[in-house]
Amino acid sequence: MAEPRRLDPTILREYDIRGVVGKSLTTRDAEAIGHAFGLQVTRQPTNFGRPRVCVGYDGRLSSPDMEQGLVTGLSAAGVDALRVGLGPTPMLYFAVHEFKADGGIMVTGSHNPPDYNGFKFMLGINPFFGEQIQELGALAAAPPEFSGELGQADRRTVFEAYVARLAATYEAPNGLRVAWDAGNGATGDALVALAARLPGEHILLNETIDGTFPVHHPDPTQPENLEQVIEAVATRKCDAGIAFDGDGDRIGVIDSTGQILWGDQLMAIFAAELLARQPGATIIADVKASKTLFDEIAKLGGTPLMWRTGHSLIKQKMAETGAPLAGEMSGHIFFADRYYGFDDALYAAVRLLDIVARSPDSLADMRSRLPATVNTPELRFDCADQRKFDVIDEVRERLAQDGANVNDIDGVRVTTADGWWLLRASNTQPVLVARCESDDTAGLDQLKNALVDQLTQSGVEPPDF
């Protein structure tokens, strides 16, 4: 029987559980988390004699032990564990759908440093986040509720079915020359198998799964982590370069000229292809996305919807609205069109390459046709957890008094004659997040000044632009 265990409150994030291994997160914690989640699962109806939860893990050195702890905890709650093994987070999501399981847990530290690890969850096929994670923490610390039959553990293979599903998405008669960088993350084995099934020429970088990430950090939102794949695209004269984060739910893309396509630019390309088949469809992007994306969706005959940042929040909104496509600046791309509605970077990569291969235009041509803007990168700067949301409230109140044009669905996104600026509180870290975008540098300077003024009024040190 799993023992009650008070979890470090810092690991209970908005969308997942994440901590430093051996400090804020241990294998005993993993067992308590598995038990608590198992209790939550048992409260839901099941199609089986005992509830079933799929469990997978990434390539971090601590992940196998964490996975074993989860399985032990699930068993103590009377839940069967379907152990799908090593692979990317989307493979775990796929397994939940494939086996019609009652839930899923992925052991992953995502794009965090090697000494981190954590867990992402599904309850049925739905996201599991927010208050549900807080409830999990409370259950872990409470006296055990279950004293019945133990659950069983069973190894299930889903790898081949997952790769086959990805490969079947590519329908173009011709192939491309592509450089791929798995970043030694959890996509490695699946990428090797997938590339072997796709037409064209494929150059694989850092495809060996290694939880120490010996070459570079697996975060494709940071340009320095894309230098190797950019060089490969140039030297091998590739049509595109593709990079992944540590657990394979976020994508980075390079065109043949070495230019990075950010999440909103990718969304514009995906939206054009989708709206040609589904006129009027709702397409969701987060508040950090460019105004040009929302304008482009409307111009193409779609219904743009701006929503809060966070993969669980986006998935929930997709289900509510029936949107076939959604995306975030961070590289999470969600397809419910011909897929399951979860964020899968390998799937998004195949969809993108299929679009490019069937088009007379190159990926670089597609990018160059998008409206040009000048903007800051995503700016993240320290602000204590107990202060960050208060800062947003203060800024929102001052803007309201000034009669500003504000979208406050997630922080404040302020539109002016110069463009727009955003300030929001991170749901997962003690930081504020900002971004500014304009048509020209003079306008961008005005937006930066407005942002700095608001931060200064709230006693926050502005970011270094």
Protein backbone atom coordinates (compact mmCIF):
# COMPACT_ATOMS: atom_id res chain seq x y z
CA MET A 1 0.00 0.00 0.00
CA ALA A 2 1.35 3.45 -0.92
CA GLU A 3 2.16 5.60 2.10
CA PRO A 4 0.80 9.15 2.46
CA ARG A 5 3.39 11.63 1.24
CA ARG A 6 3.27 15.41 1.21
CA LEU A 7 4.60 16.57 -2.15
CA ASP A 8 6.77 19.65 -2.48
CA PRO A 9 4.18 22.28 -3.51
CA THR A 10 6.60 23.78 -6.05
CA ILE A 11 6.35 20.69 -8.26
CA LEU A 12 2.56 20.95 -8.65
CA ARG A 13 2.42 23.13 -11.76
CA GLU A 14 -0.57 24.32 -13.77
CA TYR A 15 -0.20 21.78 -16.61
CA ASP A 16 2.01 19.07 -15.13
CA ILE A 17 4.26 18.02 -12.27
CA ARG A 18 7.93 18.97 -12.55
CA GLY A 19 10.87 19.13 -10.15
CA VAL A 20 14.57 18.54 -9.53
CA VAL A 21 15.34 14.84 -9.13
CA GLY A 22 16.56 13.91 -5.66
CA LYS A 23 15.53 17.28 -4.25
CA SER A 24 11.97 18.38 -4.92
CA LEU A 25 11.05 15.13 -6.74
CA THR A 26 11.95 11.55 -5.75
CA THR A 27 10.94 8.02 -6.73
CA ARG A 28 8.91 7.83 -3.49
CA ASP A 29 7.06 10.90 -4.74
CA ALA A 30 6.47 9.09 -8.05
CA GLU A 31 4.84 6.21 -6.18
CA ALA A 32 2.61 8.59 -4.23
CA ILE A 33 1.71 10.43 -7.45
CA GLY A 34 0.82 7.16 -9.19
CA HIS A 35 -1.36 6.14 -6.25
CA ALA A 36 -3.14 9.51 -6.06
CA PHE A 37 -3.76 9.64 -9.81
CA GLY A 38 -4.99 6.06 -9.68
CA LEU A 39 -7.57 7.07 -7.05
CA GLN A 40 -8.73 9.90 -9.31
CA VAL A 41 -9.06 7.47 -12.22
CA THR A 42 -11.13 5.02 -10.17
CA ARG A 43 -13.76 7.73 -9.69
CA GLN A 44 -14.44 7.68 -13.44
CA PRO A 45 -16.48 5.05 -15.29
CA THR A 46 -14.40 2.35 -17.00
CA ASN A 47 -14.98 -0.16 -19.80
CA PHE A 48 -12.75 -2.70 -18.08
CA GLY A 49 -12.87 -4.82 -14.95
CA ARG A 50 -10.22 -2.56 -13.45
CA PRO A 51 -9.28 0.88 -14.73
CA ARG A 52 -6.30 0.99 -17.12
CA VAL A 53 -3.69 3.72 -17.35
CA CYS A 54 -0.97 3.88 -20.00
CA VAL A 55 2.48 4.79 -18.70
CA GLY A 56 5.43 5.94 -20.81
CA TYR A 57 8.79 7.60 -20.16
CA ASP A 58 11.39 9.76 -21.87
CA GLY A 59 15.15 9.32 -22.12
CA ARG A 60 16.23 11.04 -18.91
CA LEU A 61 18.48 9.00 -16.68
CA SER A 62 15.94 9.09 -13.83
CA SER A 63 12.91 8.19 -15.95
CA PRO A 64 12.95 4.36 -15.67
CA ASP A 65 12.96 4.54 -11.85
CA MET A 66 10.24 7.19 -11.88
CA GLU A 67 8.16 5.01 -14.20
CA GLN A 68 8.50 2.03 -11.85
CA GLY A 69 7.37 4.20 -8.95
CA LEU A 70 4.27 5.27 -10.86
CA VAL A 71 3.39 1.68 -11.72
CA THR A 72 3.72 0.64 -8.07
CA GLY A 73 1.48 3.49 -7.00
CA LEU A 74 -1.14 2.76 -9.64
CA SER A 75 -1.23 -0.89 -8.56
CA ALA A 76 -1.82 0.14 -4.94
CA ALA A 77 -4.86 2.11 -6.11
CA GLY A 78 -6.29 -0.91 -7.91
CA VAL A 79 -5.41 0.36 -11.39
CA ASP A 80 -3.76 -1.69 -14.16
CA ALA A 81 -0.71 -0.11 -15.80
CA LEU A 82 -0.15 -0.55 -19.54
CA ARG A 83 3.58 0.10 -19.84
CA VAL A 84 4.28 1.43 -23.33
CA GLY A 85 7.96 2.10 -22.68
CA LEU A 86 10.48 4.66 -23.93
CA GLY A 87 9.32 7.24 -26.45
CA PRO A 88 8.01 10.77 -26.97
CA THR A 89 5.08 12.19 -25.03
CA PRO A 90 2.79 12.08 -28.12
CA MET A 91 3.36 8.32 -28.34
CA LEU A 92 1.91 8.04 -24.83
CA TYR A 93 -1.06 10.16 -25.89
CA PHE A 94 -1.47 7.93 -28.95
CA ALA A 95 -1.40 4.83 -26.74
CA VAL A 96 -4.26 6.14 -24.60
CA HIS A 97 -6.37 6.50 -27.75
CA GLU A 98 -5.17 3.20 -29.23
CA PHE A 99 -5.95 1.15 -26.12
CA LYS A 100 -9.01 3.20 -25.11
CA ALA A 101 -7.40 3.55 -21.70
CA ASP A 102 -8.85 5.40 -18.73
CA GLY A 103 -5.86 7.71 -18.58
CA GLY A 104 -2.18 8.15 -19.18
CA ILE A 105 0.97 9.33 -17.41
CA MET A 106 4.15 10.36 -19.20
CA VAL A 107 7.38 10.57 -17.24
CA THR A 108 9.17 13.54 -18.77
CA GLY A 109 11.12 16.64 -17.89
CA SER A 110 10.17 18.10 -21.29
CA HIS A 111 12.76 20.75 -22.25
CA ASN A 112 14.08 21.32 -18.72
CA PRO A 113 17.74 20.66 -17.77
CA PRO A 114 18.86 17.01 -17.29
CA ASP A 115 18.46 17.06 -13.49
CA TYR A 116 14.72 17.75 -13.82
CA ASN A 117 11.93 15.27 -14.36
CA GLY A 118 8.17 15.23 -14.06
CA PHE A 119 4.82 13.90 -15.24
CA LYS A 120 2.18 14.82 -17.81
CA PHE A 121 -1.29 13.33 -17.48
CA MET A 122 -4.43 12.44 -19.39
CA LEU A 123 -7.76 11.54 -17.79
CA GLY A 124 -9.44 9.46 -20.44
CA ILE A 125 -8.56 11.33 -23.63
CA ASN A 126 -8.89 14.70 -21.92
CA PRO A 127 -6.20 17.01 -20.52
CA PHE A 128 -5.56 16.85 -16.78
CA PHE A 129 -4.40 20.12 -15.23
CA GLY A 130 -5.05 23.00 -12.86
CA GLU A 131 -7.28 22.05 -9.91
CA GLN A 132 -6.98 18.36 -10.81
CA ILE A 133 -3.22 18.50 -10.16
CA GLN A 134 -3.78 20.29 -6.87
CA GLU A 135 -6.30 17.62 -5.90
CA LEU A 136 -3.71 14.97 -6.78
CA GLY A 137 -1.30 16.62 -4.35
CA ALA A 138 -3.92 16.58 -1.60
CA LEU A 139 -4.73 12.91 -2.21
CA ALA A 140 -1.04 11.97 -2.08
CA ALA A 141 -0.79 13.46 1.43
CA ALA A 142 -4.03 11.90 2.71
CA PRO A 143 -4.39 8.46 4.36
CA PRO A 144 -4.77 5.71 1.72
CA GLU A 145 -8.34 5.17 0.55
CA PHE A 146 -7.95 1.83 -1.20
CA SER A 147 -7.66 -1.60 0.39
CA GLY A 148 -8.95 -3.89 -2.36
CA GLU A 149 -7.34 -5.90 -5.16
CA LEU A 150 -4.01 -4.66 -6.51
CA GLY A 151 -3.75 -3.59 -10.12
CA GLN A 152 -1.55 -5.47 -12.59
CA ALA A 153 1.24 -4.24 -14.87
CA ASP A 154 1.43 -5.30 -18.51
CA ARG A 155 3.92 -4.26 -21.18
CA ARG A 156 2.21 -3.11 -24.37
CA THR A 157 3.92 -2.27 -27.64
CA VAL A 158 2.60 0.77 -29.46
CA PHE A 159 5.81 1.98 -31.13
CA GLU A 160 5.24 0.36 -34.55
CA ALA A 161 1.59 1.44 -34.72
CA TYR A 162 2.54 4.99 -33.80
CA VAL A 163 5.29 5.27 -36.42
CA ALA A 164 3.04 3.70 -39.06
CA ARG A 165 0.33 6.26 -38.25
CA LEU A 166 2.81 9.10 -38.66
CA ALA A 167 4.19 7.75 -41.93
CA ALA A 168 0.70 7.26 -43.41
CA THR A 169 0.15 11.02 -43.11
CA TYR A 170 2.65 11.70 -45.89
CA GLU A 171 0.75 11.44 -49.17
CA ALA A 172 2.93 13.41 -51.62
CA PRO A 173 4.35 11.35 -54.50
CA ASN A 174 7.82 12.86 -54.11
CA GLY A 175 10.19 13.31 -51.21
CA LEU A 176 12.32 16.15 -49.87
CA ARG A 177 15.83 16.50 -48.51
CA VAL A 178 15.42 17.14 -44.79
CA ALA A 179 17.79 17.59 -41.85
CA TRP A 180 16.33 16.38 -38.56
CA ASP A 181 17.64 17.13 -35.07
CA ALA A 182 16.20 15.03 -32.27
CA GLY A 183 18.45 16.79 -29.74
CA ASN A 184 19.16 13.38 -28.09
CA GLY A 185 15.59 13.60 -26.82
CA ALA A 186 12.79 11.05 -26.66
CA THR A 187 11.86 11.34 -30.36
CA GLY A 188 15.12 9.66 -31.41
CA ASP A 189 14.03 6.06 -32.00
CA ALA A 190 10.70 7.07 -33.53
CA LEU A 191 12.46 9.55 -35.82
CA VAL A 192 14.86 6.89 -37.11
CA ALA A 193 11.96 4.55 -37.88
CA LEU A 194 9.86 7.32 -39.41
CA ALA A 195 12.62 8.68 -41.66
CA ALA A 196 13.18 5.18 -43.02
CA ARG A 197 9.55 5.09 -44.18
CA LEU A 198 9.43 8.52 -45.83
CA PRO A 199 10.53 9.19 -49.41
CA GLY A 200 13.40 11.59 -50.01
CA GLU A 201 16.76 12.03 -48.31
CA HIS A 202 16.95 12.38 -44.53
CA ILE A 203 19.93 13.58 -42.52
CA LEU A 204 19.58 12.64 -38.85
CA LEU A 205 21.33 14.57 -36.08
CA ASN A 206 21.54 13.60 -32.40
CA GLU A 207 19.08 10.78 -32.93
CA THR A 208 20.53 8.63 -30.13
CA ILE A 209 18.44 9.08 -26.99
CA ASP A 210 20.72 10.39 -24.24
CA GLY A 211 19.33 11.97 -21.09
CA THR A 212 22.48 14.04 -20.56
CA PHE A 213 21.80 15.97 -23.82
CA PRO A 214 25.52 16.07 -24.66
CA VAL A 215 25.38 18.26 -27.79
CA HIS A 216 22.86 20.99 -27.02
CA HIS A 217 19.80 21.62 -24.92
CA PRO A 218 16.60 20.25 -26.56
CA ASP A 219 14.55 23.44 -26.76
CA PRO A 220 13.82 24.57 -30.34
CA THR A 221 12.44 27.95 -29.25
CA GLN A 222 16.01 29.09 -28.52
CA PRO A 223 17.95 29.98 -31.71
CA GLU A 224 21.27 28.80 -30.26
CA ASN A 225 19.85 25.26 -30.08
CA LEU A 226 19.10 25.33 -33.83
CA GLU A 227 22.61 26.22 -35.01
CA GLN A 228 23.56 22.62 -35.79
CA VAL A 229 20.48 21.89 -37.90
CA ILE A 230 20.82 25.27 -39.67
CA GLU A 231 24.38 24.33 -40.63
CA ALA A 232 23.22 20.91 -41.86
CA VAL A 233 20.52 22.51 -44.02
CA ALA A 234 23.12 24.79 -45.59
CA THR A 235 25.87 22.22 -46.18
CA ARG A 236 23.54 19.48 -47.46
CA LYS A 237 21.33 21.90 -49.42
CA CYS A 238 18.17 20.71 -47.67
CA ASP A 239 14.62 21.79 -48.37
CA ALA A 240 13.96 22.09 -44.64
CA GLY A 241 15.30 21.42 -41.16
CA ILE A 242 13.22 20.05 -38.29
CA ALA A 243 14.11 20.06 -34.58
CA PHE A 244 12.32 18.76 -31.50
CA ASP A 245 12.23 19.44 -27.79
CA GLY A 246 13.13 16.84 -25.18
CA ASP A 247 9.82 14.95 -25.23
CA GLY A 248 8.66 15.57 -28.78
CA ASP A 249 5.58 17.74 -28.34
CA ARG A 250 7.17 20.97 -29.66
CA ILE A 251 8.69 21.61 -33.06
CA GLY A 252 11.28 23.95 -34.52
CA VAL A 253 11.53 24.51 -38.29
CA ILE A 254 14.20 25.93 -40.61
CA ASP A 255 13.70 26.77 -44.29
CA SER A 256 16.27 26.24 -47.05
CA THR A 257 17.76 29.70 -46.51
CA GLY A 258 18.44 29.02 -42.83
CA GLN A 259 15.59 31.18 -41.57
CA ILE A 260 13.62 30.02 -38.52
CA LEU A 261 9.86 29.67 -38.86
CA TRP A 262 8.23 30.43 -35.53
CA GLY A 263 5.04 28.85 -34.26
CA ASP A 264 2.70 31.48 -35.68
CA GLN A 265 4.36 31.34 -39.12
CA LEU A 266 3.94 27.57 -39.19
CA MET A 267 0.32 28.03 -38.20
CA ALA A 268 -0.25 30.35 -41.15
CA ILE A 269 1.03 27.66 -43.53
CA PHE A 270 -1.07 24.95 -41.90
CA ALA A 271 -4.13 27.22 -41.86
CA ALA A 272 -3.90 27.95 -45.60
CA GLU A 273 -3.90 24.24 -46.44
CA LEU A 274 -6.68 23.38 -44.00
CA LEU A 275 -9.02 26.27 -44.84
CA ALA A 276 -8.88 25.35 -48.52
CA ARG A 277 -10.64 22.13 -47.46
CA GLN A 278 -12.65 23.43 -44.49
CA PRO A 279 -13.81 26.99 -45.22
CA GLY A 280 -14.87 28.89 -42.13
CA ALA A 281 -13.16 26.56 -39.66
CA THR A 282 -12.15 27.92 -36.26
CA ILE A 283 -8.38 28.05 -35.78
CA ILE A 284 -6.92 28.79 -32.35
CA ALA A 285 -3.63 30.47 -31.48
CA ASP A 286 -2.31 31.68 -28.14
CA VAL A 287 -2.01 35.29 -27.02
CA LYS A 288 1.69 35.42 -27.91
CA ALA A 289 0.99 34.85 -31.61
CA SER A 290 1.40 37.59 -34.20
CA LYS A 291 -1.54 39.74 -35.24
CA THR A 292 -0.60 38.80 -38.79
CA LEU A 293 -1.60 35.18 -38.07
CA PHE A 294 -5.09 36.12 -36.92
CA ASP A 295 -5.44 38.47 -39.90
CA GLU A 296 -4.22 35.74 -42.25
CA ILE A 297 -6.75 33.23 -40.91
CA ALA A 298 -9.58 35.72 -41.43
CA LYS A 299 -8.33 36.60 -44.92
CA LEU A 300 -8.31 32.91 -45.82
CA GLY A 301 -11.95 32.60 -44.74
CA GLY A 302 -11.36 31.06 -41.35
CA THR A 303 -12.51 32.05 -37.89
CA PRO A 304 -9.51 33.10 -35.77
CA LEU A 305 -9.70 32.60 -32.02
CA MET A 306 -7.13 33.97 -29.60
CA TRP A 307 -6.80 31.89 -26.44
CA ARG A 308 -4.75 31.46 -23.30
CA THR A 309 -1.23 30.03 -23.45
CA GLY A 310 -0.83 26.45 -22.20
CA HIS A 311 -1.11 23.13 -24.02
CA SER A 312 -3.84 21.80 -21.71
CA LEU A 313 -5.90 24.98 -22.06
CA ILE A 314 -5.57 24.91 -25.85
CA LYS A 315 -6.63 21.25 -26.06
CA GLN A 316 -9.63 21.94 -23.85
CA LYS A 317 -10.67 24.90 -26.03
CA MET A 318 -10.31 22.83 -29.19
CA ALA A 319 -12.69 20.26 -27.76
CA GLU A 320 -15.19 22.97 -26.79
CA THR A 321 -15.17 24.71 -30.17
CA GLY A 322 -14.55 21.80 -32.52
CA ALA A 323 -11.50 23.61 -33.92
CA PRO A 324 -9.50 21.35 -36.26
CA LEU A 325 -6.20 23.19 -35.72
CA ALA A 326 -4.48 25.15 -32.96
CA GLY A 327 -0.98 26.25 -32.09
CA GLU A 328 1.28 28.17 -29.77
CA MET A 329 4.34 30.32 -30.34
CA SER A 330 6.29 27.78 -28.30
CA GLY A 331 5.93 25.21 -31.10
CA HIS A 332 3.04 23.14 -29.74
CA ILE A 333 0.89 22.36 -32.82
CA PHE A 334 -2.43 20.57 -32.35
CA PHE A 335 -4.25 18.80 -35.19
CA ALA A 336 -7.77 17.49 -34.71
CA ASP A 337 -8.05 17.40 -38.51
CA ARG A 338 -7.30 13.77 -39.45
CA TYR A 339 -5.61 13.28 -36.06
CA TYR A 340 -6.42 13.21 -32.34
CA GLY A 341 -6.19 16.85 -31.26
CA PHE A 342 -3.04 16.57 -29.17
CA ASP A 343 0.32 18.26 -29.71
CA ASP A 344 2.67 15.98 -31.65
CA ALA A 345 5.78 17.50 -33.19
CA LEU A 346 6.58 14.46 -35.34
CA TYR A 347 3.07 14.53 -36.77
CA ALA A 348 3.27 18.29 -37.40
CA ALA A 349 6.59 17.75 -39.18
CA VAL A 350 5.12 15.15 -41.53
CA ARG A 351 2.10 17.37 -42.26
CA LEU A 352 4.39 20.28 -43.06
CA LEU A 353 6.67 18.28 -45.35
CA ASP A 354 3.66 16.84 -47.16
CA ILE A 355 2.34 20.36 -47.79
CA VAL A 356 5.71 21.55 -49.10
CA ALA A 357 6.25 18.47 -51.27
CA ARG A 358 2.86 18.92 -52.96
CA SER A 359 3.35 22.66 -53.53
CA PRO A 360 5.15 24.37 -56.44
CA ASP A 361 6.58 26.73 -53.82
CA SER A 362 9.42 26.03 -51.42
CA LEU A 363 9.08 26.42 -47.66
CA ALA A 364 11.22 29.55 -47.97
CA ASP A 365 8.76 30.95 -50.55
CA MET A 366 5.85 30.29 -48.19
CA ARG A 367 7.63 32.06 -45.33
CA SER A 368 8.66 35.05 -47.45
CA ARG A 369 5.05 35.68 -48.53
CA LEU A 370 3.90 36.18 -44.94
CA PRO A 371 3.59 39.82 -43.85
CA ALA A 372 6.83 41.15 -42.38
CA THR A 373 6.85 42.56 -38.85
CA VAL A 374 9.47 43.53 -36.31
CA ASN A 375 9.15 42.10 -32.85
CA THR A 376 10.91 41.18 -29.67
CA PRO A 377 11.54 37.56 -28.79
CA GLU A 378 9.55 36.14 -25.92
CA LEU A 379 10.91 38.00 -22.89
CA ARG A 380 10.91 36.14 -19.57
CA PHE A 381 12.02 37.92 -16.41
CA ASP A 382 11.89 37.10 -12.73
CA CYS A 383 8.89 37.97 -10.59
CA ALA A 384 7.96 36.11 -7.42
CA ASP A 385 5.00 33.74 -7.58
CA GLN A 386 3.19 35.68 -4.84
CA ARG A 387 3.67 38.93 -6.79
CA LYS A 388 3.37 38.13 -10.50
CA PHE A 389 -0.43 37.96 -10.75
CA ASP A 390 -0.79 41.13 -8.66
CA VAL A 391 1.42 42.95 -11.16
CA ILE A 392 -0.89 41.91 -14.00
CA ASP A 393 -3.92 43.13 -12.03
CA GLU A 394 -2.27 46.50 -11.40
CA VAL A 395 -1.34 46.96 -15.05
CA ARG A 396 -4.82 45.91 -16.17
CA GLU A 397 -6.44 48.44 -13.84
CA ARG A 398 -4.24 51.32 -15.04
CA LEU A 399 -4.89 50.42 -18.68
CA ALA A 400 -8.64 50.38 -18.05
CA GLN A 401 -8.43 53.84 -16.51
CA ASP A 402 -6.55 55.05 -19.59
CA GLY A 403 -9.16 53.58 -21.95
CA ALA A 404 -6.62 51.33 -23.66
CA ASN A 405 -7.60 48.64 -26.17
CA VAL A 406 -6.93 45.53 -24.06
CA ASN A 407 -7.55 41.81 -24.50
CA ASP A 408 -7.24 40.38 -20.98
CA ILE A 409 -7.99 36.73 -21.68
CA ASP A 410 -4.46 35.84 -20.51
CA GLY A 411 -2.62 38.73 -18.90
CA VAL A 412 -2.93 41.93 -20.93
CA ARG A 413 -2.48 42.21 -24.69
CA VAL A 414 -2.60 45.89 -25.60
CA THR A 415 -3.27 47.07 -29.17
CA THR A 416 -2.20 50.56 -30.24
CA ALA A 417 -1.57 52.40 -33.49
CA ASP A 418 2.01 51.12 -33.30
CA GLY A 419 1.11 47.43 -32.96
CA TRP A 420 0.67 45.40 -29.79
CA TRP A 421 2.42 44.39 -26.59
CA LEU A 422 1.72 41.56 -24.17
CA LEU A 423 2.39 41.04 -20.49
CA ARG A 424 1.31 37.84 -18.74
CA ALA A 425 2.24 35.80 -15.70
CA SER A 426 3.71 32.37 -16.30
CA ASN A 427 1.57 29.57 -14.91
CA THR A 428 4.60 27.34 -14.34
CA GLN A 429 7.48 29.56 -13.17
CA PRO A 430 8.07 32.68 -11.02
CA VAL A 431 8.40 34.90 -14.09
CA LEU A 432 6.51 37.47 -16.14
CA VAL A 433 6.38 37.03 -19.91
CA ALA A 434 6.29 39.90 -22.41
CA ARG A 435 6.35 40.39 -26.16
CA CYS A 436 5.99 43.39 -28.52
CA GLU A 437 5.29 43.54 -32.28
CA SER A 438 5.06 46.38 -34.78
CA ASP A 439 5.32 47.08 -38.49
CA ASP A 440 8.53 49.09 -38.04
CA THR A 441 11.31 49.73 -35.54
CA ALA A 442 9.99 53.16 -34.54
CA GLY A 443 6.64 51.62 -33.60
CA LEU A 444 8.40 48.80 -31.76
CA ASP A 445 10.32 51.33 -29.67
CA GLN A 446 7.05 53.01 -28.68
CA LEU A 447 5.59 49.69 -27.59
CA LYS A 448 8.69 48.83 -25.57
CA ASN A 449 8.48 52.19 -23.84
CA ALA A 450 4.84 51.61 -22.93
CA LEU A 451 5.67 48.19 -21.49
CA VAL A 452 8.62 49.54 -19.52
CA ASP A 453 6.46 52.35 -18.12
CA GLN A 454 3.86 49.91 -16.83
CA LEU A 455 6.45 47.62 -15.25
CA THR A 456 8.21 50.57 -13.62
CA GLN A 457 4.94 51.79 -12.11
CA SER A 458 4.51 48.38 -10.51
CA GLY A 459 8.09 48.33 -9.21
CA VAL A 460 9.27 45.58 -11.55
CA GLU A 461 12.71 45.70 -13.17
CA PRO A 462 12.05 45.80 -16.94
CA PRO A 463 13.62 43.13 -19.19
CA ASP A 464 16.77 43.79 -21.17
CA PHE A 465 15.45 44.17 -24.71
